[in-house]
């Protein structure tokens, strides 16, 4: 009897080695995908933005198609035109509101920072000389890294072209996803093996449901944050309530930390305009809004479809910001929600008992014919290796 070559290796070591090389292969595949996405980040980002916009507008397209009883193309065109018109109108109103107060916002923010500097100097013993030394160190750091910053600035000369091209790709991606998304998804699924197509369709439908719930919920939560903090600022008599509310609205698209960080600007403006009491009141309002968002809006609006723990959200935002900056922080959470849905689905399938071969109907549904069995190379040796009786 031939002794296997690994007979002298303890079983825990063999198991650890097998897990190690499999994990290394998975890690290598993940790194390769990330490198590919980094090389083609404009395309990936544009397609992902188009996917998010499609998830936001798809219910409207279905509603318009049902009401007008028209074609899918007509409903898509009507929804896109209405959305662009509404966006242009809101942008025009905000431009008129903010353009006259932007300089005031900048001056108020600078005055607030000055008051903070005076407060730190008077209460913590950090004089102006020490603060100036910190500023000089920061400036020296910028000078030491000016080559990298300069290269970034030079690459920023093509930023406008990249933004325009990315916006165009995202727009056309949105149009075709809304117009022909089901056929595109069906073609993608048809490229996979037949036995896995049903599962892929199921998990794809669940991921689409998660994306739709996330996008609509995020817009609603951002709108609620912006309105609530804007009203609080206005009620306290702090100027620039509308620009600050708009700033909080856009900041809320970065989950958990976005609205709080942008709300800091409102606190500084309140400190400069109305004093310490108003600043503390604005800070309390921001904390209350964040608590309402975290404990009421997030569970209620997102529901059971986007089941991400707050710690997972923070880690996803951090990883996204490290990999792709602000854009990565914005898209990290929906990407993490989709990955969680995919892993959860296949994890549950792996734990379920295999019932695909219980009766003839199941075999017919799976299209398991002689060619499939031959392709799978299921012989007696395979069954014996799997611990099954060939008989």
Protein backbone atom coordinates (compact mmCIF):
# COMPACT_ATOMS: atom_id res chain seq x y z
CA UNK A 1 0.00 0.00 0.00
CA UNK A 2 1.42 3.32 -1.08
CA UNK A 3 1.74 5.91 1.68
CA UNK A 4 0.55 9.42 0.62
CA UNK A 5 3.43 11.92 0.49
CA UNK A 6 1.69 14.17 3.04
CA UNK A 7 1.06 11.40 5.58
CA UNK A 8 3.75 12.71 7.94
CA UNK A 9 2.34 16.26 7.89
CA UNK A 10 -0.07 16.92 10.78
CA UNK A 11 -3.65 17.50 9.69
CA UNK A 12 -3.91 21.05 11.17
CA UNK A 13 -0.86 22.07 9.15
CA UNK A 14 -2.34 20.60 5.96
CA UNK A 15 -5.64 22.37 6.55
CA UNK A 16 -3.88 25.65 7.27
CA UNK A 17 -1.78 25.29 4.12
CA UNK A 18 -4.83 24.54 1.96
CA UNK A 19 -6.68 27.54 3.38
CA UNK A 20 -3.59 29.71 2.91
CA UNK A 21 -3.08 29.08 -0.79
CA UNK A 22 -6.79 29.48 -1.49
CA UNK A 23 -6.85 32.79 0.38
CA UNK A 24 -3.74 33.91 -1.50
CA UNK A 25 -5.43 33.14 -4.83
CA UNK A 26 -8.54 35.09 -3.75
CA UNK A 27 -6.40 38.01 -2.54
CA UNK A 28 -4.52 38.03 -5.84
CA UNK A 29 -7.78 38.10 -7.80
CA UNK A 30 -9.09 40.98 -5.66
CA UNK A 31 -5.87 42.95 -6.15
CA UNK A 32 -6.04 42.35 -9.91
CA UNK A 33 -9.63 43.60 -10.03
CA UNK A 34 -8.73 46.70 -7.98
CA UNK A 35 -5.78 47.46 -10.26
CA UNK A 36 -8.00 47.09 -13.31
CA UNK A 37 -10.61 49.38 -11.77
CA UNK A 38 -7.90 51.92 -10.94
CA UNK A 39 -6.64 51.89 -14.52
CA UNK A 40 -10.17 52.30 -15.88
CA UNK A 41 -11.65 54.22 -12.97
CA UNK A 42 -13.37 56.75 -15.21
CA UNK A 43 -15.33 54.02 -16.99
CA UNK A 44 -16.12 52.07 -13.83
CA UNK A 45 -17.18 55.21 -11.97
CA UNK A 46 -19.35 56.44 -14.83
CA UNK A 47 -21.09 53.07 -15.17
CA UNK A 48 -21.61 52.86 -11.40
CA UNK A 49 -23.08 56.38 -11.28
CA UNK A 50 -25.33 55.46 -14.19
CA UNK A 51 -26.43 52.38 -12.29
CA UNK A 52 -27.27 54.45 -9.20
CA UNK A 53 -29.18 57.02 -11.27
CA UNK A 54 -31.06 54.21 -12.99
CA UNK A 55 -32.02 52.74 -9.63
CA UNK A 56 -33.31 56.18 -8.60
CA UNK A 57 -35.29 56.88 -11.79
CA UNK A 58 -36.52 53.39 -12.68
CA UNK A 59 -39.67 53.56 -10.46
CA UNK A 60 -40.60 56.84 -12.15
CA UNK A 61 -40.16 55.32 -15.59
CA UNK A 62 -42.43 52.40 -14.69
CA UNK A 63 -45.04 54.78 -13.26
CA UNK A 64 -45.04 57.02 -16.35
CA UNK A 65 -45.25 54.00 -18.64
CA UNK A 66 -48.20 52.65 -16.67
CA UNK A 67 -50.04 55.98 -16.61
CA UNK A 68 -49.44 56.96 -20.24
CA UNK A 69 -49.68 53.37 -21.54
CA UNK A 70 -46.89 54.31 -23.91
CA UNK A 71 -43.62 52.73 -24.86
CA UNK A 72 -40.62 52.31 -22.61
CA UNK A 73 -38.66 54.79 -24.71
CA UNK A 74 -41.28 57.52 -24.34
CA UNK A 75 -41.46 57.02 -20.56
CA UNK A 76 -37.66 57.12 -20.29
CA UNK A 77 -37.49 60.33 -22.34
CA UNK A 78 -40.20 62.03 -20.26
CA UNK A 79 -38.57 61.10 -16.95
CA UNK A 80 -35.11 62.20 -18.08
CA UNK A 81 -36.37 65.54 -19.45
CA UNK A 82 -38.36 66.21 -16.26
CA UNK A 83 -35.39 65.27 -14.07
CA UNK A 84 -32.96 67.48 -16.01
CA UNK A 85 -35.42 70.38 -15.96
CA UNK A 86 -35.96 70.03 -12.21
CA UNK A 87 -32.22 69.78 -11.61
CA UNK A 88 -31.54 72.86 -13.74
CA UNK A 89 -34.25 74.82 -11.94
CA UNK A 90 -32.95 73.89 -8.50
CA UNK A 91 -29.38 74.71 -9.54
CA UNK A 92 -30.49 78.13 -10.87
CA UNK A 93 -32.36 78.97 -7.66
CA UNK A 94 -29.45 77.88 -5.49
CA UNK A 95 -27.01 79.83 -7.65
CA UNK A 96 -29.07 82.99 -7.21
CA UNK A 97 -29.30 82.39 -3.49
CA UNK A 98 -25.68 81.45 -2.88
CA UNK A 99 -23.91 83.76 -5.33
CA UNK A 100 -24.73 86.84 -3.28
CA UNK A 101 -23.78 85.25 0.02
CA UNK A 102 -20.70 83.20 -0.86
CA UNK A 103 -18.30 85.98 0.08
CA UNK A 104 -20.23 86.47 3.33
CA UNK A 105 -19.97 82.75 4.05
CA UNK A 106 -16.21 82.86 3.50
CA UNK A 107 -15.72 85.91 5.71
CA UNK A 108 -17.97 84.56 8.45
CA UNK A 109 -16.10 81.25 8.40
CA UNK A 110 -12.74 83.05 8.64
CA UNK A 111 -14.01 85.18 11.51
CA UNK A 112 -15.20 82.06 13.31
CA UNK A 113 -11.81 80.42 12.92
CA UNK A 114 -10.23 83.56 14.36
CA UNK A 115 -12.47 83.35 17.42
CA UNK A 116 -11.55 79.69 17.86
CA UNK A 117 -7.87 80.66 17.70
CA UNK A 118 -8.38 83.32 20.37
CA UNK A 119 -10.30 80.85 22.53
CA UNK A 120 -7.51 78.27 22.27
CA UNK A 121 -4.90 80.91 23.08
CA UNK A 122 -6.75 82.24 26.15
CA UNK A 123 -7.82 78.90 27.63
CA UNK A 124 -5.09 76.43 26.69
CA UNK A 125 -2.02 78.64 26.79
CA UNK A 126 -1.15 78.16 23.12
CA UNK A 127 0.04 81.59 22.07
CA UNK A 128 0.12 83.07 18.59
CA UNK A 129 3.81 82.26 18.20
CA UNK A 130 3.17 78.54 18.75
CA UNK A 131 0.20 78.60 16.38
CA UNK A 132 2.32 80.39 13.80
CA UNK A 133 4.97 77.71 14.24
CA UNK A 134 2.36 75.02 13.53
CA UNK A 135 1.29 76.91 10.41
CA UNK A 136 4.89 77.19 9.24
CA UNK A 137 5.43 73.47 9.76
CA UNK A 138 2.34 72.71 7.71
CA UNK A 139 3.57 75.06 4.98
CA UNK A 140 6.98 73.40 5.01
CA UNK A 141 5.29 70.02 4.62
CA UNK A 142 3.45 71.36 1.59
CA UNK A 143 6.72 72.67 0.13
CA UNK A 144 8.47 69.36 0.73
CA UNK A 145 5.72 67.60 -1.21
CA UNK A 146 5.28 70.26 -3.85
CA UNK A 147 6.41 67.91 -6.63
CA UNK A 148 3.58 65.49 -5.99
CA UNK A 149 1.14 68.35 -5.50
CA UNK A 150 2.34 69.99 -8.70
CA UNK A 151 1.86 66.80 -10.65
CA UNK A 152 -1.62 66.58 -9.22
CA UNK A 153 -2.27 70.18 -10.28
CA UNK A 154 -0.97 69.50 -13.76
CA UNK A 155 -3.15 66.46 -14.06
CA UNK A 156 -5.96 68.65 -12.83
CA UNK A 157 -5.67 70.63 -16.07
CA UNK A 158 -7.45 67.71 -17.76
CA UNK A 159 -9.98 67.40 -14.93
CA UNK A 160 -12.67 69.32 -16.77
CA UNK A 161 -12.35 67.04 -19.81
CA UNK A 162 -12.48 63.94 -17.61
CA UNK A 163 -15.54 65.24 -15.76
CA UNK A 164 -17.33 66.03 -19.01
CA UNK A 165 -16.49 62.68 -20.59
CA UNK A 166 -17.43 60.82 -17.39
CA UNK A 167 -20.71 62.73 -17.17
CA UNK A 168 -21.48 61.88 -20.80
CA UNK A 169 -20.75 58.18 -20.24
CA UNK A 170 -22.84 58.20 -17.05
CA UNK A 171 -25.73 59.90 -18.86
CA UNK A 172 -25.78 57.48 -21.77
CA UNK A 173 -25.36 54.55 -19.37
CA UNK A 174 -28.38 55.78 -17.44
CA UNK A 175 -30.41 56.15 -20.64
CA UNK A 176 -29.67 52.65 -21.87
CA UNK A 177 -30.10 51.07 -18.43
CA UNK A 178 -33.53 52.65 -18.15
CA UNK A 179 -34.46 51.87 -21.73
CA UNK A 180 -33.07 48.36 -22.13
CA UNK A 181 -31.70 47.29 -18.75
CA UNK A 182 -33.52 43.95 -18.63
CA UNK A 183 -32.15 42.83 -22.00
CA UNK A 184 -28.62 43.96 -21.06
CA UNK A 185 -28.83 42.00 -17.80
CA UNK A 186 -30.25 38.98 -19.61
CA UNK A 187 -27.37 39.03 -22.08
CA UNK A 188 -24.83 39.22 -19.24
CA UNK A 189 -26.47 36.27 -17.49
CA UNK A 190 -26.53 34.24 -20.71
CA UNK A 191 -22.72 34.32 -20.76
CA UNK A 192 -22.60 32.20 -17.61
CA UNK A 193 -23.01 28.40 -17.34
CA UNK A 194 -26.62 27.26 -17.55
CA UNK A 195 -26.71 25.69 -14.09
CA UNK A 196 -25.77 29.00 -12.42
CA UNK A 197 -28.02 31.36 -14.39
CA UNK A 198 -31.06 30.99 -12.12
CA UNK A 199 -29.05 31.87 -9.01
CA UNK A 200 -27.42 34.82 -10.75
CA UNK A 201 -30.82 36.16 -11.81
CA UNK A 202 -32.08 35.85 -8.24
CA UNK A 203 -29.10 37.53 -6.63
CA UNK A 204 -29.14 40.22 -9.33
CA UNK A 205 -32.75 41.06 -8.54
CA UNK A 206 -31.91 41.30 -4.84
CA UNK A 207 -28.91 43.55 -5.53
CA UNK A 208 -31.08 45.81 -7.68
CA UNK A 209 -33.60 46.03 -4.85
CA UNK A 210 -30.81 46.95 -2.43
CA UNK A 211 -29.46 49.65 -4.78
CA UNK A 212 -32.92 51.12 -5.30
CA UNK A 213 -33.61 51.23 -1.56
CA UNK A 214 -30.20 52.71 -0.83
CA UNK A 215 -30.31 55.49 -3.45
CA UNK A 216 -33.86 56.59 -2.67
CA UNK A 217 -33.21 56.37 1.07
CA UNK A 218 -29.97 58.34 0.82
CA UNK A 219 -31.62 61.16 -1.12
CA UNK A 220 -34.46 61.33 1.40
CA UNK A 221 -32.10 61.28 4.39
CA UNK A 222 -29.82 63.93 2.84
CA UNK A 223 -32.84 66.14 2.14
CA UNK A 224 -34.06 65.69 5.72
CA UNK A 225 -30.63 66.53 7.16
CA UNK A 226 -30.28 69.62 5.01
CA UNK A 227 -33.76 70.94 5.79
CA UNK A 228 -33.55 70.19 9.52
CA UNK A 229 -30.16 71.82 10.03
CA UNK A 230 -31.07 74.73 7.76
CA UNK A 231 -34.24 75.38 9.76
CA UNK A 232 -32.30 75.15 13.03
CA UNK A 233 -29.75 77.67 11.77
CA UNK A 234 -32.50 80.01 10.56
CA UNK A 235 -34.44 79.71 13.85
CA UNK A 236 -31.36 80.77 15.80
CA UNK A 237 -30.98 83.83 13.60
CA UNK A 238 -27.71 82.67 12.06
CA UNK A 239 -27.24 84.08 8.55
CA UNK A 240 -26.68 82.00 5.40
CA UNK A 241 -29.20 79.34 6.40
CA UNK A 242 -29.93 78.25 2.81
CA UNK A 243 -26.28 77.84 1.71
CA UNK A 244 -25.48 75.95 4.92
CA UNK A 245 -28.48 73.66 4.42
CA UNK A 246 -27.40 72.95 0.85
CA UNK A 247 -23.87 72.21 2.05
CA UNK A 248 -25.21 69.74 4.62
CA UNK A 249 -27.45 68.14 1.96
CA UNK A 250 -24.49 67.33 -0.30
CA UNK A 251 -22.34 66.30 2.65
CA UNK A 252 -24.98 63.80 3.77
CA UNK A 253 -24.25 61.66 0.69
CA UNK A 254 -21.17 60.50 2.59
CA UNK A 255 -22.88 58.34 5.24
CA UNK A 256 -22.51 58.97 8.97
CA UNK A 257 -19.64 61.48 8.81
CA UNK A 258 -20.61 63.71 5.86
CA UNK A 259 -23.41 65.74 7.43
CA UNK A 260 -21.48 66.15 10.67
CA UNK A 261 -18.34 67.41 8.92
CA UNK A 262 -20.23 69.89 6.74
CA UNK A 263 -22.27 70.92 9.78
CA UNK A 264 -19.04 72.09 11.40
CA UNK A 265 -19.08 75.00 8.94
CA UNK A 266 -22.49 76.00 10.31
CA UNK A 267 -21.11 75.88 13.86
CA UNK A 268 -18.19 78.15 12.95
CA UNK A 269 -20.47 80.63 11.12
CA UNK A 270 -22.83 80.69 14.10
CA UNK A 271 -19.90 81.36 16.43
CA UNK A 272 -18.76 84.32 14.33
CA UNK A 273 -22.23 85.77 13.75
CA UNK A 274 -24.09 85.16 17.01
CA UNK A 275 -21.55 84.07 19.58
CA UNK A 276 -20.82 81.01 21.66
CA UNK A 277 -24.43 80.24 22.67
CA UNK A 278 -25.63 80.10 19.06
CA UNK A 279 -22.66 77.92 18.08
CA UNK A 280 -23.40 75.45 20.88
CA UNK A 281 -27.09 75.44 19.91
CA UNK A 282 -26.23 74.67 16.27
CA UNK A 283 -23.89 71.89 17.41
CA UNK A 284 -26.64 70.40 19.57
CA UNK A 285 -29.05 70.58 16.62
CA UNK A 286 -26.55 68.74 14.41
CA UNK A 287 -26.05 66.04 17.04
CA UNK A 288 -29.83 65.64 17.45
CA UNK A 289 -30.31 65.34 13.68
CA UNK A 290 -27.54 62.75 13.52
CA UNK A 291 -29.14 60.73 16.31
CA UNK A 292 -32.53 60.85 14.60
CA UNK A 293 -30.90 59.81 11.35
CA UNK A 294 -28.98 56.92 12.90
CA UNK A 295 -31.75 55.52 15.11
CA UNK A 296 -34.93 56.36 13.18
CA UNK A 297 -34.36 57.37 9.56
CA UNK A 298 -31.72 54.81 8.67
CA UNK A 299 -33.67 51.79 10.01
CA UNK A 300 -37.03 53.14 8.80
CA UNK A 301 -36.08 54.39 5.35
CA UNK A 302 -33.44 51.81 4.45
CA UNK A 303 -35.47 49.06 6.06
CA UNK A 304 -34.38 45.49 5.98
CA UNK A 305 -32.98 45.68 2.43
CA UNK A 306 -29.74 47.53 3.23
CA UNK A 307 -28.63 45.61 6.32
CA UNK A 308 -25.22 47.12 7.00
CA UNK A 309 -23.99 47.60 10.55
CA UNK A 310 -22.80 51.16 11.34
CA UNK A 311 -19.29 49.81 11.90
CA UNK A 312 -19.37 48.27 8.44
CA UNK A 313 -20.50 51.59 6.99
CA UNK A 314 -17.62 53.44 8.70
CA UNK A 315 -15.07 50.87 7.50
CA UNK A 316 -16.48 50.97 3.97
CA UNK A 317 -16.35 54.78 3.86
CA UNK A 318 -12.78 54.76 5.19
CA UNK A 319 -11.60 52.13 2.71
CA UNK A 320 -13.33 53.91 -0.15
CA UNK A 321 -11.76 57.25 0.75
CA UNK A 322 -8.29 55.65 0.96
CA UNK A 323 -8.68 53.94 -2.41
CA UNK A 324 -10.45 56.67 -4.40
CA UNK A 325 -10.80 59.80 -2.28
CA UNK A 326 -14.16 61.52 -1.89
CA UNK A 327 -15.71 59.63 -4.79
CA UNK A 328 -14.68 56.34 -3.23
CA UNK A 329 -16.26 57.37 0.08
CA UNK A 330 -19.56 58.09 -1.70
CA UNK A 331 -19.75 54.83 -3.70
CA UNK A 332 -18.26 52.58 -1.00
CA UNK A 333 -21.47 52.00 0.94
CA UNK A 334 -23.71 50.93 -1.98
CA UNK A 335 -20.88 48.72 -3.26
CA UNK A 336 -20.53 47.16 0.19
CA UNK A 337 -24.31 46.65 0.37
CA UNK A 338 -24.28 44.82 -2.98
CA UNK A 339 -21.32 42.65 -1.97
CA UNK A 340 -23.01 41.81 1.32
CA UNK A 341 -26.14 40.76 -0.57
CA UNK A 342 -24.14 38.54 -2.95
CA UNK A 343 -22.09 36.88 -0.20
CA UNK A 344 -25.15 36.44 1.99
CA UNK A 345 -27.11 34.76 -0.80
CA UNK A 346 -24.41 32.28 -1.74
CA UNK A 347 -23.54 31.70 1.92
CA UNK A 348 -27.12 30.65 2.62
CA UNK A 349 -27.14 28.47 -0.48
CA UNK A 350 -23.98 26.72 0.68
CA UNK A 351 -25.58 25.92 4.05
CA UNK A 352 -28.81 24.62 2.53
CA UNK A 353 -29.16 20.91 1.68
CA UNK A 354 -28.82 20.06 -1.99
CA UNK A 355 -32.28 19.25 -3.36
CA UNK A 356 -31.60 19.63 -7.04
CA UNK A 357 -31.82 15.92 -7.79
CA UNK A 358 -34.81 14.83 -5.72
CA UNK A 359 -37.15 14.01 -8.57
CA UNK A 360 -37.50 13.99 -12.33
CA UNK A 361 -39.03 17.46 -12.45
CA UNK A 362 -36.01 18.96 -10.78
CA UNK A 363 -33.71 17.17 -13.18
CA UNK A 364 -35.71 18.43 -16.13
CA UNK A 365 -35.68 21.96 -14.77
CA UNK A 366 -31.92 21.82 -14.40
CA UNK A 367 -31.50 20.42 -17.95
CA UNK A 368 -29.23 17.65 -16.74
CA UNK A 369 -28.82 15.36 -19.72
CA UNK A 370 -26.15 12.91 -20.72
CA UNK A 371 -23.95 15.61 -22.22
CA UNK A 372 -23.96 17.54 -18.94
CA UNK A 373 -23.03 14.42 -16.98
CA UNK A 374 -20.22 13.63 -19.40
CA UNK A 375 -18.96 17.19 -19.19
CA UNK A 376 -18.98 16.98 -15.41
CA UNK A 377 -16.89 13.76 -15.46
CA UNK A 378 -18.90 12.21 -12.66
CA UNK A 379 -17.58 8.64 -12.45
CA UNK A 380 -17.19 6.15 -9.67
CA UNK A 381 -13.80 7.51 -8.64
CA UNK A 382 -15.27 11.01 -8.17
CA UNK A 383 -18.14 9.69 -6.09
CA UNK A 384 -15.77 7.64 -3.95
CA UNK A 385 -13.46 10.65 -3.44
CA UNK A 386 -16.48 12.69 -2.33
CA UNK A 387 -17.39 10.06 0.25
CA UNK A 388 -20.43 8.78 -1.67
CA UNK A 389 -21.23 5.15 -2.45
CA UNK A 390 -21.09 4.62 -6.24
CA UNK A 391 -23.74 1.97 -5.93
